[in-house]
């Protein structure tokens, strides 16, 4: 198990801030993440147990768990903790620090600040899709964790209906690549 993937996702998540993830010619410095704790967390895909969709979360740590959302976007998590204990950290946002021209080609019309600002944009910049689910992660962990001078903020996770109040979202305070907070939209009933 890679050292960065050891432990509870609540402990791992803030340590990932500032780490650099490289995939398909682009490197992104992580600036925002969210922790998910499996069976103890109604907001987690693993809350109700293993399924074909979430099987990677139950496997070895240090791998990507990639899922498709809203019928149009991929999102990526880093699997943490011991095998069989489905913890993961959602990659919410980052700063492109290598391969910026390639990231611009993948995200035409975006400002450099917005190239990897949000989980779907981050996946697009890194060319991560469902075929990468279960891949071993190339994470520069030598300096994993925010610079000692950098402040880390925490708050509620984005867009959840269940366990939305848990402050398990972590970001580098004041970093302009951090995504905007949005609570879950209320569900509408048919006929109203």
N, C-alpha and C. Protein backbone atom coordinates (compact mmCIF):
# COMPACT_ATOMS: atom_id res chain seq x y z
N UNK A 1 0.85 -1.17 0.00
CA UNK A 1 0.00 0.00 0.00
C UNK A 1 0.90 1.24 0.00
N UNK A 2 0.61 2.20 -0.88
CA UNK A 2 1.40 3.43 -0.83
C UNK A 2 1.17 4.15 0.50
N UNK A 3 2.21 4.77 1.02
CA UNK A 3 2.11 5.43 2.33
C UNK A 3 1.00 6.48 2.36
N UNK A 4 0.80 7.21 1.25
CA UNK A 4 -0.21 8.27 1.25
C UNK A 4 -1.62 7.70 1.42
N UNK A 5 -1.85 6.43 1.06
CA UNK A 5 -3.18 5.82 1.09
C UNK A 5 -3.50 5.16 2.42
N UNK A 6 -2.56 5.13 3.35
CA UNK A 6 -2.78 4.47 4.63
C UNK A 6 -3.66 5.33 5.52
N UNK A 7 -4.65 4.69 6.13
CA UNK A 7 -5.45 5.38 7.14
C UNK A 7 -6.85 5.71 6.71
N UNK A 8 -7.57 6.25 7.67
CA UNK A 8 -8.95 6.67 7.49
C UNK A 8 -9.00 7.82 6.48
N UNK A 9 -10.02 7.86 5.62
CA UNK A 9 -10.09 8.94 4.63
C UNK A 9 -10.13 10.34 5.25
N UNK A 10 -10.65 10.46 6.48
CA UNK A 10 -10.65 11.78 7.14
C UNK A 10 -9.24 12.24 7.49
N UNK A 11 -8.33 11.30 7.71
CA UNK A 11 -6.94 11.65 7.98
C UNK A 11 -6.17 11.84 6.68
N UNK A 12 -6.46 11.01 5.69
CA UNK A 12 -5.75 11.05 4.41
C UNK A 12 -6.10 12.32 3.63
N UNK A 13 -7.38 12.69 3.60
CA UNK A 13 -7.84 13.79 2.74
C UNK A 13 -7.02 15.07 2.90
N UNK A 14 -6.87 15.63 4.09
CA UNK A 14 -6.11 16.88 4.18
C UNK A 14 -4.63 16.71 3.82
N UNK A 15 -4.09 15.49 4.02
CA UNK A 15 -2.69 15.25 3.65
C UNK A 15 -2.48 15.24 2.15
N UNK A 16 -3.55 15.00 1.39
CA UNK A 16 -3.43 14.97 -0.07
C UNK A 16 -3.35 16.37 -0.68
N UNK A 17 -3.77 17.37 0.07
CA UNK A 17 -3.70 18.74 -0.45
C UNK A 17 -2.26 19.12 -0.73
N UNK A 18 -2.01 19.60 -1.93
CA UNK A 18 -0.66 19.96 -2.34
C UNK A 18 0.08 18.85 -3.05
N UNK A 19 -0.43 17.61 -2.97
CA UNK A 19 0.19 16.49 -3.69
C UNK A 19 -0.08 16.67 -5.18
N UNK A 20 0.77 16.08 -6.01
CA UNK A 20 0.63 16.21 -7.46
C UNK A 20 0.25 14.85 -8.05
N UNK A 21 -0.84 14.85 -8.79
CA UNK A 21 -1.34 13.67 -9.49
C UNK A 21 -1.02 13.84 -10.97
N UNK A 22 -0.41 12.83 -11.59
CA UNK A 22 -0.05 12.88 -13.00
C UNK A 22 -0.75 11.76 -13.74
N UNK A 23 -1.35 12.12 -14.89
CA UNK A 23 -2.01 11.12 -15.72
C UNK A 23 -2.07 11.65 -17.16
N UNK A 24 -1.72 10.80 -18.10
CA UNK A 24 -1.85 11.10 -19.53
C UNK A 24 -1.23 12.44 -19.92
N UNK A 25 -0.04 12.72 -19.37
CA UNK A 25 0.70 13.90 -19.77
C UNK A 25 0.37 15.19 -19.05
N UNK A 26 -0.54 15.14 -18.09
CA UNK A 26 -0.93 16.34 -17.34
C UNK A 26 -0.71 16.08 -15.85
N UNK A 27 -0.20 17.08 -15.15
CA UNK A 27 0.00 17.00 -13.69
C UNK A 27 -0.85 18.07 -13.01
N UNK A 28 -1.54 17.66 -11.96
CA UNK A 28 -2.43 18.55 -11.22
C UNK A 28 -2.04 18.53 -9.74
N UNK A 29 -1.83 19.72 -9.17
CA UNK A 29 -1.61 19.86 -7.73
C UNK A 29 -2.97 19.96 -7.07
N UNK A 30 -3.28 19.03 -6.17
CA UNK A 30 -4.60 18.97 -5.54
C UNK A 30 -4.81 20.13 -4.58
N UNK A 31 -5.95 20.82 -4.74
CA UNK A 31 -6.27 21.96 -3.89
C UNK A 31 -7.57 21.78 -3.11
N UNK A 32 -8.36 20.75 -3.47
CA UNK A 32 -9.64 20.51 -2.80
C UNK A 32 -10.01 19.04 -2.91
N UNK A 33 -10.44 18.44 -1.80
CA UNK A 33 -10.81 17.03 -1.75
C UNK A 33 -11.98 16.85 -0.78
N UNK A 34 -12.64 15.68 -0.85
CA UNK A 34 -13.71 15.32 0.09
C UNK A 34 -13.51 13.88 0.54
N UNK A 35 -13.73 13.62 1.83
CA UNK A 35 -13.57 12.28 2.39
C UNK A 35 -14.91 11.55 2.42
N UNK A 36 -14.85 10.23 2.15
CA UNK A 36 -16.02 9.34 2.21
C UNK A 36 -15.62 8.08 2.95
N UNK A 37 -16.46 7.66 3.94
CA UNK A 37 -16.09 6.58 4.86
C UNK A 37 -16.90 5.31 4.71
N UNK A 38 -17.40 4.99 3.56
CA UNK A 38 -18.04 3.71 3.33
C UNK A 38 -19.25 3.43 4.19
N UNK A 39 -19.26 2.30 4.93
CA UNK A 39 -20.46 1.89 5.66
C UNK A 39 -20.85 2.82 6.80
N UNK A 40 -19.97 3.72 7.22
CA UNK A 40 -20.29 4.68 8.28
C UNK A 40 -20.78 6.01 7.72
N UNK A 41 -20.96 6.08 6.40
CA UNK A 41 -21.21 7.37 5.75
C UNK A 41 -22.33 7.25 4.71
N UNK A 42 -23.54 7.74 5.03
CA UNK A 42 -24.65 7.66 4.08
C UNK A 42 -24.38 8.42 2.78
N UNK A 43 -23.39 9.30 2.74
CA UNK A 43 -23.03 10.01 1.52
C UNK A 43 -22.12 9.22 0.60
N UNK A 44 -21.62 8.09 1.07
CA UNK A 44 -20.66 7.28 0.31
C UNK A 44 -21.36 6.29 -0.62
N UNK A 45 -20.77 6.05 -1.78
CA UNK A 45 -21.29 5.02 -2.69
C UNK A 45 -21.22 3.63 -2.06
N UNK A 46 -20.38 3.44 -1.08
CA UNK A 46 -20.19 2.13 -0.45
C UNK A 46 -21.08 1.94 0.78
N UNK A 47 -21.94 2.87 1.08
CA UNK A 47 -22.75 2.82 2.29
C UNK A 47 -23.59 1.55 2.39
N UNK A 48 -24.15 1.09 1.29
CA UNK A 48 -25.02 -0.09 1.31
C UNK A 48 -24.30 -1.37 0.92
N UNK A 49 -22.97 -1.34 0.86
CA UNK A 49 -22.22 -2.53 0.54
C UNK A 49 -21.71 -2.55 -0.89
N UNK A 50 -20.97 -3.62 -1.23
CA UNK A 50 -20.35 -3.68 -2.55
C UNK A 50 -21.36 -3.93 -3.68
N UNK A 51 -21.10 -3.28 -4.80
CA UNK A 51 -21.87 -3.45 -6.04
C UNK A 51 -20.85 -3.47 -7.18
N UNK A 52 -21.26 -3.83 -8.39
CA UNK A 52 -20.32 -3.74 -9.51
C UNK A 52 -19.78 -2.32 -9.70
N UNK A 53 -20.60 -1.30 -9.45
CA UNK A 53 -20.17 0.09 -9.63
C UNK A 53 -19.08 0.49 -8.64
N UNK A 54 -19.22 0.11 -7.38
CA UNK A 54 -18.30 0.60 -6.34
C UNK A 54 -17.25 -0.42 -5.92
N UNK A 55 -17.10 -1.52 -6.63
CA UNK A 55 -16.20 -2.61 -6.23
C UNK A 55 -14.78 -2.14 -5.96
N UNK A 56 -14.31 -1.16 -6.70
CA UNK A 56 -12.94 -0.67 -6.52
C UNK A 56 -12.73 -0.10 -5.12
N UNK A 57 -13.77 0.48 -4.53
CA UNK A 57 -13.65 1.05 -3.19
C UNK A 57 -13.34 -0.03 -2.15
N UNK A 58 -13.71 -1.27 -2.42
CA UNK A 58 -13.49 -2.36 -1.48
C UNK A 58 -12.17 -3.08 -1.74
N UNK A 59 -11.46 -2.68 -2.78
CA UNK A 59 -10.21 -3.34 -3.16
C UNK A 59 -9.00 -2.69 -2.53
N UNK A 60 -7.84 -2.97 -3.11
CA UNK A 60 -6.61 -2.43 -2.55
C UNK A 60 -6.58 -0.90 -2.59
N UNK A 61 -6.02 -0.26 -1.58
CA UNK A 61 -5.88 1.19 -1.57
C UNK A 61 -4.82 1.64 -2.58
N UNK A 62 -4.83 2.94 -2.86
CA UNK A 62 -3.86 3.50 -3.79
C UNK A 62 -4.29 3.42 -5.24
N UNK A 63 -5.59 3.19 -5.44
CA UNK A 63 -6.13 3.08 -6.79
C UNK A 63 -7.21 4.13 -7.02
N UNK A 64 -7.51 4.37 -8.29
CA UNK A 64 -8.59 5.27 -8.66
C UNK A 64 -9.93 4.55 -8.60
N UNK A 65 -10.90 5.17 -7.99
CA UNK A 65 -12.29 4.75 -8.11
C UNK A 65 -12.96 5.81 -8.96
N UNK A 66 -13.33 5.45 -10.19
CA UNK A 66 -13.91 6.41 -11.14
C UNK A 66 -15.36 6.02 -11.39
N UNK A 67 -16.24 7.01 -11.33
CA UNK A 67 -17.66 6.75 -11.59
C UNK A 67 -18.22 7.82 -12.53
N UNK A 68 -19.35 7.49 -13.15
CA UNK A 68 -20.02 8.36 -14.10
C UNK A 68 -21.21 8.99 -13.39
N UNK A 69 -21.40 10.29 -13.53
CA UNK A 69 -22.45 10.99 -12.80
C UNK A 69 -23.25 11.88 -13.76
N UNK A 70 -24.52 12.03 -13.49
CA UNK A 70 -25.43 12.87 -14.27
C UNK A 70 -25.46 12.49 -15.75
N UNK A 71 -25.05 11.28 -16.07
CA UNK A 71 -25.07 10.83 -17.45
C UNK A 71 -24.11 11.55 -18.37
N UNK A 72 -23.13 12.29 -17.78
CA UNK A 72 -22.23 13.04 -18.65
C UNK A 72 -20.82 13.27 -18.12
N UNK A 73 -20.56 13.08 -16.83
CA UNK A 73 -19.26 13.43 -16.25
C UNK A 73 -18.65 12.24 -15.52
N UNK A 74 -17.33 12.19 -15.53
CA UNK A 74 -16.60 11.24 -14.69
C UNK A 74 -16.04 11.98 -13.49
N UNK A 75 -16.01 11.30 -12.36
CA UNK A 75 -15.39 11.82 -11.14
C UNK A 75 -14.44 10.75 -10.62
N UNK A 76 -13.35 11.18 -9.98
CA UNK A 76 -12.34 10.23 -9.52
C UNK A 76 -12.10 10.39 -8.03
N UNK A 77 -11.91 9.26 -7.37
CA UNK A 77 -11.57 9.18 -5.95
C UNK A 77 -10.27 8.40 -5.82
N UNK A 78 -9.55 8.65 -4.75
CA UNK A 78 -8.40 7.83 -4.39
C UNK A 78 -8.84 6.91 -3.27
N UNK A 79 -8.68 5.60 -3.46
CA UNK A 79 -9.09 4.62 -2.46
C UNK A 79 -8.06 4.61 -1.34
N UNK A 80 -8.54 4.62 -0.09
CA UNK A 80 -7.67 4.68 1.09
C UNK A 80 -7.99 3.54 2.05
N UNK A 81 -7.12 3.40 3.05
CA UNK A 81 -7.36 2.45 4.13
C UNK A 81 -7.08 1.02 3.74
N UNK A 82 -7.36 0.08 4.62
CA UNK A 82 -7.09 -1.33 4.31
C UNK A 82 -8.11 -1.88 3.32
N UNK A 83 -7.66 -2.88 2.56
CA UNK A 83 -8.55 -3.56 1.61
C UNK A 83 -9.75 -4.11 2.36
N UNK A 84 -10.94 -3.95 1.77
CA UNK A 84 -12.17 -4.42 2.38
C UNK A 84 -12.88 -3.36 3.20
N UNK A 85 -12.19 -2.28 3.54
CA UNK A 85 -12.77 -1.16 4.30
C UNK A 85 -12.87 0.02 3.34
N UNK A 86 -14.03 0.23 2.72
CA UNK A 86 -14.16 1.12 1.57
C UNK A 86 -14.10 2.62 1.87
N UNK A 87 -12.92 3.13 2.07
CA UNK A 87 -12.73 4.57 2.22
C UNK A 87 -12.22 5.16 0.93
N UNK A 88 -12.56 6.42 0.67
CA UNK A 88 -12.10 7.07 -0.55
C UNK A 88 -12.08 8.58 -0.35
N UNK A 89 -11.28 9.24 -1.18
CA UNK A 89 -11.18 10.70 -1.17
C UNK A 89 -11.48 11.19 -2.58
N UNK A 90 -12.56 11.95 -2.72
CA UNK A 90 -12.94 12.54 -4.00
C UNK A 90 -11.98 13.66 -4.34
N UNK A 91 -11.50 13.67 -5.58
CA UNK A 91 -10.64 14.74 -6.07
C UNK A 91 -11.53 15.84 -6.62
N UNK A 92 -11.67 16.92 -5.86
CA UNK A 92 -12.62 17.99 -6.23
C UNK A 92 -12.01 19.05 -7.12
N UNK A 93 -10.75 19.43 -6.89
CA UNK A 93 -10.17 20.52 -7.69
C UNK A 93 -8.66 20.53 -7.57
N UNK A 94 -8.04 21.19 -8.53
CA UNK A 94 -6.59 21.31 -8.52
C UNK A 94 -6.09 22.36 -9.49
N UNK A 95 -4.80 22.58 -9.44
CA UNK A 95 -4.11 23.51 -10.33
C UNK A 95 -3.24 22.70 -11.28
N UNK A 96 -3.38 22.94 -12.58
CA UNK A 96 -2.55 22.26 -13.56
C UNK A 96 -1.14 22.83 -13.44
N UNK A 97 -0.17 21.96 -13.13
CA UNK A 97 1.21 22.39 -12.93
C UNK A 97 2.16 21.75 -13.94
N UNK A 98 1.64 20.92 -14.82
CA UNK A 98 2.44 20.31 -15.87
C UNK A 98 1.54 19.86 -17.00
N UNK A 99 1.99 20.04 -18.24
CA UNK A 99 1.17 19.66 -19.39
C UNK A 99 0.01 20.60 -19.63
N UNK A 100 0.22 21.88 -19.35
CA UNK A 100 -0.90 22.84 -19.43
C UNK A 100 -1.46 22.95 -20.84
N UNK A 101 -0.63 22.86 -21.87
CA UNK A 101 -1.14 22.94 -23.24
C UNK A 101 -2.09 21.78 -23.54
N UNK A 102 -1.73 20.60 -23.08
CA UNK A 102 -2.58 19.42 -23.27
C UNK A 102 -3.89 19.58 -22.50
N UNK A 103 -3.82 20.09 -21.28
CA UNK A 103 -5.03 20.34 -20.49
C UNK A 103 -5.92 21.37 -21.18
N UNK A 104 -5.32 22.40 -21.78
CA UNK A 104 -6.11 23.40 -22.52
C UNK A 104 -6.81 22.78 -23.73
N UNK A 105 -6.15 21.83 -24.39
CA UNK A 105 -6.78 21.14 -25.53
C UNK A 105 -7.97 20.32 -25.07
N UNK A 106 -7.86 19.71 -23.91
CA UNK A 106 -8.94 18.88 -23.37
C UNK A 106 -10.09 19.71 -22.81
N UNK A 107 -9.79 20.95 -22.43
CA UNK A 107 -10.81 21.84 -21.86
C UNK A 107 -10.79 23.18 -22.59
N UNK A 108 -11.09 23.17 -23.90
CA UNK A 108 -11.02 24.41 -24.69
C UNK A 108 -11.96 25.48 -24.15
N UNK A 109 -11.48 26.71 -24.19
CA UNK A 109 -12.29 27.83 -23.74
C UNK A 109 -12.23 28.09 -22.25
N UNK A 110 -11.57 27.23 -21.50
CA UNK A 110 -11.47 27.42 -20.04
C UNK A 110 -10.28 28.31 -19.70
N UNK A 111 -10.43 29.10 -18.67
CA UNK A 111 -9.29 29.84 -18.14
C UNK A 111 -8.35 28.84 -17.48
N UNK A 112 -7.10 29.20 -17.32
CA UNK A 112 -6.16 28.29 -16.66
C UNK A 112 -6.63 27.96 -15.24
N UNK A 113 -7.25 28.91 -14.57
CA UNK A 113 -7.77 28.68 -13.22
C UNK A 113 -8.84 27.60 -13.21
N UNK A 114 -9.64 27.52 -14.27
CA UNK A 114 -10.77 26.59 -14.32
C UNK A 114 -10.46 25.25 -14.98
N UNK A 115 -9.24 25.02 -15.42
CA UNK A 115 -8.91 23.78 -16.13
C UNK A 115 -9.24 22.53 -15.31
N UNK A 116 -8.99 22.57 -14.00
CA UNK A 116 -9.24 21.41 -13.13
C UNK A 116 -10.03 21.84 -11.89
N UNK A 117 -10.87 22.84 -12.03
CA UNK A 117 -11.65 23.40 -10.92
C UNK A 117 -13.02 22.72 -10.89
N UNK A 118 -13.15 21.69 -10.09
CA UNK A 118 -14.36 20.87 -10.01
C UNK A 118 -14.00 19.45 -10.42
N UNK A 119 -14.69 18.45 -9.85
CA UNK A 119 -14.29 17.06 -10.08
C UNK A 119 -14.39 16.60 -11.53
N UNK A 120 -15.41 17.01 -12.27
CA UNK A 120 -15.53 16.59 -13.67
C UNK A 120 -14.47 17.27 -14.53
N UNK A 121 -14.22 18.53 -14.28
CA UNK A 121 -13.18 19.26 -15.03
C UNK A 121 -11.80 18.67 -14.76
N UNK A 122 -11.54 18.31 -13.52
CA UNK A 122 -10.27 17.70 -13.15
C UNK A 122 -10.08 16.40 -13.93
N UNK A 123 -11.12 15.57 -14.00
CA UNK A 123 -11.02 14.32 -14.76
C UNK A 123 -10.80 14.59 -16.24
N UNK A 124 -11.48 15.58 -16.79
CA UNK A 124 -11.31 15.90 -18.20
C UNK A 124 -9.89 16.38 -18.47
N UNK A 125 -9.36 17.23 -17.62
CA UNK A 125 -7.98 17.74 -17.81
C UNK A 125 -6.97 16.60 -17.77
N UNK A 126 -7.21 15.61 -16.89
CA UNK A 126 -6.30 14.48 -16.74
C UNK A 126 -6.62 13.33 -17.70
N UNK A 127 -7.68 13.47 -18.51
CA UNK A 127 -8.13 12.41 -19.42
C UNK A 127 -8.46 11.12 -18.66
N UNK A 128 -9.12 11.27 -17.52
CA UNK A 128 -9.55 10.12 -16.71
C UNK A 128 -11.01 9.84 -17.03
N UNK A 129 -11.32 8.58 -17.33
CA UNK A 129 -12.69 8.17 -17.56
C UNK A 129 -12.91 6.80 -16.93
N UNK A 130 -14.04 6.20 -17.18
CA UNK A 130 -14.39 4.92 -16.55
C UNK A 130 -13.41 3.80 -16.83
N UNK A 131 -12.69 3.88 -17.95
CA UNK A 131 -11.72 2.82 -18.25
C UNK A 131 -10.53 2.83 -17.28
N UNK A 132 -10.39 3.90 -16.50
CA UNK A 132 -9.28 4.02 -15.55
C UNK A 132 -9.65 3.57 -14.14
N UNK A 133 -10.91 3.15 -13.94
CA UNK A 133 -11.33 2.66 -12.64
C UNK A 133 -10.44 1.48 -12.23
N UNK A 134 -9.86 1.55 -11.04
CA UNK A 134 -9.00 0.49 -10.52
C UNK A 134 -7.53 0.67 -10.82
N UNK A 135 -7.17 1.70 -11.61
CA UNK A 135 -5.75 1.94 -11.93
C UNK A 135 -4.98 2.36 -10.69
N UNK A 136 -3.72 1.96 -10.64
CA UNK A 136 -2.82 2.42 -9.59
C UNK A 136 -2.54 3.90 -9.84
N UNK A 137 -2.52 4.69 -8.79
CA UNK A 137 -2.39 6.13 -8.89
C UNK A 137 -0.93 6.55 -8.90
N UNK A 138 -0.59 7.46 -9.82
CA UNK A 138 0.73 8.08 -9.89
C UNK A 138 0.66 9.40 -9.11
N UNK A 139 0.95 9.32 -7.83
CA UNK A 139 0.84 10.48 -6.96
C UNK A 139 2.21 10.79 -6.39
N UNK A 140 2.67 12.02 -6.59
CA UNK A 140 3.95 12.43 -6.02
C UNK A 140 3.69 12.69 -4.54
N UNK A 141 4.12 11.74 -3.74
CA UNK A 141 3.80 11.79 -2.32
C UNK A 141 4.99 12.24 -1.47
N UNK A 142 6.11 12.56 -2.11
CA UNK A 142 7.28 12.98 -1.36
C UNK A 142 7.00 14.19 -0.49
N UNK A 143 6.20 15.09 -1.00
CA UNK A 143 5.83 16.29 -0.24
C UNK A 143 4.32 16.31 -0.05
N UNK A 144 3.73 15.15 0.14
CA UNK A 144 2.28 15.07 0.32
C UNK A 144 1.86 15.93 1.50
N UNK A 145 0.85 16.67 1.29
CA UNK A 145 0.33 17.54 2.33
C UNK A 145 0.61 18.98 1.99
N UNK A 146 -0.20 19.86 2.51
CA UNK A 146 -0.02 21.27 2.20
C UNK A 146 1.28 21.82 2.77
N UNK A 147 1.80 22.83 2.12
CA UNK A 147 2.96 23.56 2.62
C UNK A 147 2.65 23.97 4.06
N UNK A 148 3.63 23.90 4.91
CA UNK A 148 3.37 24.23 6.33
C UNK A 148 2.77 25.61 6.52
N UNK A 149 3.05 26.52 5.59
CA UNK A 149 2.52 27.87 5.70
C UNK A 149 1.08 27.95 5.18
N UNK A 150 0.65 26.95 4.40
CA UNK A 150 -0.68 26.99 3.81
C UNK A 150 -1.74 26.63 4.85
N UNK A 151 -2.81 27.40 4.85
CA UNK A 151 -3.93 27.11 5.75
C UNK A 151 -4.89 26.16 5.04
N UNK A 152 -5.47 25.24 5.81
CA UNK A 152 -6.44 24.30 5.27
C UNK A 152 -7.80 24.63 5.89
N UNK A 153 -8.80 24.74 5.04
CA UNK A 153 -10.17 24.97 5.51
C UNK A 153 -10.95 23.67 5.38
N UNK A 154 -12.03 23.59 6.15
CA UNK A 154 -12.90 22.42 6.08
C UNK A 154 -14.35 22.89 6.16
N UNK A 155 -15.23 22.13 5.52
CA UNK A 155 -16.64 22.48 5.51
C UNK A 155 -17.46 21.33 4.96
N UNK A 156 -18.76 21.56 4.75
CA UNK A 156 -19.64 20.49 4.27
C UNK A 156 -19.28 20.06 2.85
N UNK A 157 -19.59 18.80 2.57
CA UNK A 157 -19.35 18.29 1.22
C UNK A 157 -20.37 18.88 0.26
N UNK A 158 -20.03 18.85 -1.01
CA UNK A 158 -20.83 19.52 -2.04
C UNK A 158 -21.89 18.58 -2.61
N UNK A 159 -23.11 19.10 -2.75
CA UNK A 159 -24.15 18.42 -3.50
C UNK A 159 -24.75 17.16 -2.90
N UNK A 160 -24.54 16.91 -1.63
CA UNK A 160 -25.07 15.69 -1.00
C UNK A 160 -26.43 15.95 -0.36
N UNK A 161 -27.29 14.94 -0.41
CA UNK A 161 -28.56 15.01 0.30
C UNK A 161 -28.45 14.33 1.67
N UNK A 162 -27.64 13.27 1.74
CA UNK A 162 -27.46 12.52 2.99
C UNK A 162 -26.10 12.87 3.60
N UNK A 163 -26.06 13.09 4.88
CA UNK A 163 -24.83 13.43 5.62
C UNK A 163 -24.18 14.68 5.06
N UNK A 164 -25.00 15.60 4.57
CA UNK A 164 -24.49 16.83 3.95
C UNK A 164 -23.81 17.76 4.96
N UNK A 165 -24.15 17.64 6.23
CA UNK A 165 -23.62 18.55 7.23
C UNK A 165 -22.22 18.18 7.73
N UNK A 166 -21.72 17.02 7.35
CA UNK A 166 -20.41 16.61 7.84
C UNK A 166 -19.31 17.46 7.17
N UNK A 167 -18.42 18.04 7.96
CA UNK A 167 -17.38 18.92 7.41
C UNK A 167 -16.19 18.12 6.87
N UNK A 168 -16.45 17.30 5.87
CA UNK A 168 -15.43 16.39 5.35
C UNK A 168 -14.89 16.83 4.00
N UNK A 169 -15.08 18.10 3.67
CA UNK A 169 -14.49 18.70 2.48
C UNK A 169 -13.31 19.54 2.98
N UNK A 170 -12.15 19.38 2.32
CA UNK A 170 -10.94 20.08 2.72
C UNK A 170 -10.38 20.83 1.51
N UNK A 171 -9.89 22.06 1.76
CA UNK A 171 -9.31 22.82 0.66
C UNK A 171 -8.22 23.76 1.16
N UNK A 172 -7.35 24.15 0.24
CA UNK A 172 -6.31 25.12 0.57
C UNK A 172 -6.96 26.49 0.63
N UNK A 173 -6.97 27.09 1.80
CA UNK A 173 -7.64 28.36 2.03
C UNK A 173 -7.12 29.42 1.06
N UNK A 174 -8.07 30.09 0.40
CA UNK A 174 -7.73 31.19 -0.49
C UNK A 174 -7.22 30.80 -1.86
N UNK A 175 -7.09 29.51 -2.15
CA UNK A 175 -6.60 29.10 -3.47
C UNK A 175 -7.71 29.33 -4.49
N UNK A 176 -7.39 30.00 -5.60
CA UNK A 176 -8.44 30.35 -6.55
C UNK A 176 -8.87 29.21 -7.46
N UNK A 177 -8.25 28.03 -7.33
CA UNK A 177 -8.71 26.88 -8.12
C UNK A 177 -9.74 26.03 -7.37
N UNK A 178 -10.03 26.39 -6.12
CA UNK A 178 -11.02 25.65 -5.33
C UNK A 178 -12.41 25.94 -5.91
N UNK A 179 -13.25 24.90 -6.01
CA UNK A 179 -14.58 25.07 -6.58
C UNK A 179 -15.52 25.77 -5.60
N UNK A 180 -16.60 26.31 -6.14
CA UNK A 180 -17.59 27.00 -5.31
C UNK A 180 -18.44 25.97 -4.58
N UNK A 181 -18.81 26.27 -3.33
CA UNK A 181 -19.68 25.37 -2.57
C UNK A 181 -21.11 25.49 -3.08
N UNK A 182 -21.73 24.34 -3.29
CA UNK A 182 -23.15 24.29 -3.68
C UNK A 182 -23.83 23.16 -2.90
N UNK A 183 -24.86 23.48 -2.14
CA UNK A 183 -25.60 22.41 -1.46
C UNK A 183 -26.41 21.63 -2.49
N UNK A 184 -26.92 20.48 -2.09
CA UNK A 184 -27.76 19.68 -2.99
C UNK A 184 -29.03 20.45 -3.32
N UNK A 185 -29.47 20.34 -4.56
CA UNK A 185 -30.73 20.95 -4.96
C UNK A 185 -31.87 20.10 -4.42
N UNK A 186 -32.94 20.74 -3.94
CA UNK A 186 -34.07 19.94 -3.43
C UNK A 186 -34.71 19.15 -4.58
N UNK A 187 -35.15 17.96 -4.25
CA UNK A 187 -35.84 17.14 -5.27
C UNK A 187 -37.25 17.67 -5.47
N UNK A 188 -37.66 17.67 -6.73
CA UNK A 188 -39.01 18.10 -7.05
C UNK A 188 -39.91 16.89 -7.26
N UNK A 189 -41.11 17.00 -6.78
CA UNK A 189 -42.07 15.91 -6.97
C UNK A 189 -42.79 16.14 -8.27
N UNK A 190 -43.12 15.06 -8.95
CA UNK A 190 -43.85 15.14 -10.22
C UNK A 190 -45.20 15.81 -9.99
N UNK A 191 -45.61 16.65 -10.93
CA UNK A 191 -46.91 17.29 -10.83
C UNK A 191 -46.93 18.55 -9.98
N UNK A 192 -45.78 19.00 -9.49
CA UNK A 192 -45.76 20.21 -8.66
C UNK A 192 -44.93 21.28 -9.28
